[in-house]
């Protein structure tokens, strides 16, 4: 290593997920010397966003990860005193399991050849810049099976091992290029007249998105590993504004709340104007809904209205309010957005009030989405930490914690270069802790799917809609599925495509949990061709399923042998918002530094001067003070005016 790290810090933070990044910013802002390290090559951990090729590279790295034990060299042993012991950290990230990838996009033979040639000849292209081998991501020929969702394997063959790891088998490119039929292509005949020229023109338009096209435009995708939105009155928005971190990001309003009922997707009215303009509700239902929502806004002032039902299910309470089944569905799944089978009346009223209070602050729905993806938010806090002196090291592995045997306090960490770094406090992402430290921890799982489609699930005059939809479970005990659909103006997908995220609590593998909903809302190419009547479903171009570990419910006491000055941050939870991450970061900060304010507003740039630099001037007489250039950093739009956005 050209430059060795300083050996003394106040706080060492391992992992760059959202709670760790918020803590890093808070510690640095309070004047602590912060070292922020991640063994990954990117910021965000399981909160990260990837380009299309970057996501494929991430999948490849997952299956290449190994957790082989490495013996500690004599040089490293010399760094540990007789009164100390080493606690090794986990070498393999085991938070992602059961990843499966499918490709449905049509492909043109010439496009495929040209794309592969271009990728091989241009090492500075998107694919090679993200360490994706061009020949690893080609196509498999179309296979005719009865189940279109499960029949089209993709880029590289993905098989599932018993331990949940991904196995990639690269197909032979020359063999594939000799195939005459490709996924999505039709047999063509120049002599055969077309009975429906308009339909053929529409099909040609729909077929223009090919897999080589998506790879070529890969940088226009920003695909989040975790799908979340920001409540406009939520704790993360408040923290972004208070700390002025909002200057580093741009946001866009979620434009629609959707509902799935009786096999149809429809828009849910949110504002008073939407309610009375809705064609889905009768006049009686409109009045009933407005009366109930008005009550929810002030339910705490009328405890006699609900106190006898506090421990009952919210769904049962709604029936006592004489709401129609239509209104009950809207309130449960599109406003409160809660589980029908487990949420109490009190929790349902609280969730409904929160939804209503967030309406109107920035737009017609309660939610905001960060341009370029959720992965921007951890990076914004990392930037703030760096502005106030924090040091960052990616691709930097920490081998072990060094713990004093007597006091059971962690004194240092040892990195993969054999350097010992001392600190007072250590903050570690849960995924880095070894199995020995988590012997009895019971983790929950999140089922995730990422889809690329060619049209919105509910078409309107505008093709730039950002939508959220809750699909209720069909069977008792099953979990509802949250669907977030992003358009190209969010800077997360290329033009003429949509990026769709599906999220639910896991009962089985992600594909088993989410594929039924995917089949309800979307079609493969074969299904689209067969369905000539009625409005067609959006067509799938590409799909990824995976399970993500949810450690948000694990308490500190569950970790065995955790030193007293080591604090653990959890990964993403299954909730829609980011409240758990913000609360966790604030709680840990106040526990470590009880007398310090959590992420106070930064001072004016001209007031920030490093000690000892104010008296130094260069030979020309120019002031040589080292200042934190908060104002000189590239600023994007503040949260105070989120309505303007750059064009894609």
Foldseek 3Di string as FASTA:
>chain_A
DVDDDDFEWAEEEEALAQLSLLLLLQCLQLPTAYAYEYLAPDHHVQFFWDFPLLVVVVLVVQQVFDFDDDDDDPLLVVVFDPLKDWAFWTRHQPQWFQKAKFFQAWDDLVLQVVLLVVCVVDCPAPNNVSVHDSQQFGADADDDDPDVVPGGGGGFHWDADPVGRTDTHGDDPVVRSPDPGHRLDDDDDPPDDDPCVVVVVVSVVQNPDGPSNSVRVRQLAIGRSAFFWAFQPAPVLVLCVQLVLLQQFFKDDFAFFWEADPLAIDTDQQDLVSLVPDPVDDPVLSVLLVVVLVCLLVVVVPCVLPVVQQAPFLLVSVVVSVHDPVSSRCLDCGQLNDARQDHGNVSSSVSNNSFNVQAPQAHRGRTMAIFSGSNVNSVSSNVSSVLSNHHYDYSKAWTTFMARNPQLATAWTATPVSDTHGHNFYEYAPSTHDCLQQVPDDWWKKKKKKFKWQQDLDDDPDRQHWYWYWAHDPDPPAWIKIKTKGASLSSNGDHRMIIIMIMITDPDFNCVNCVVVCVSQEDRSVVQVVDPDDDHHIYTRMMMIMMGIWRLPPDPVSTPSRGPRYHYDYHDDRDRHDNSSVVVSVVVSCVVVVVDDSSGYDDDQVVAFDPPQQPDDDPVRHRPTDTSPPVPPDTDDGPSHNHDGDGD
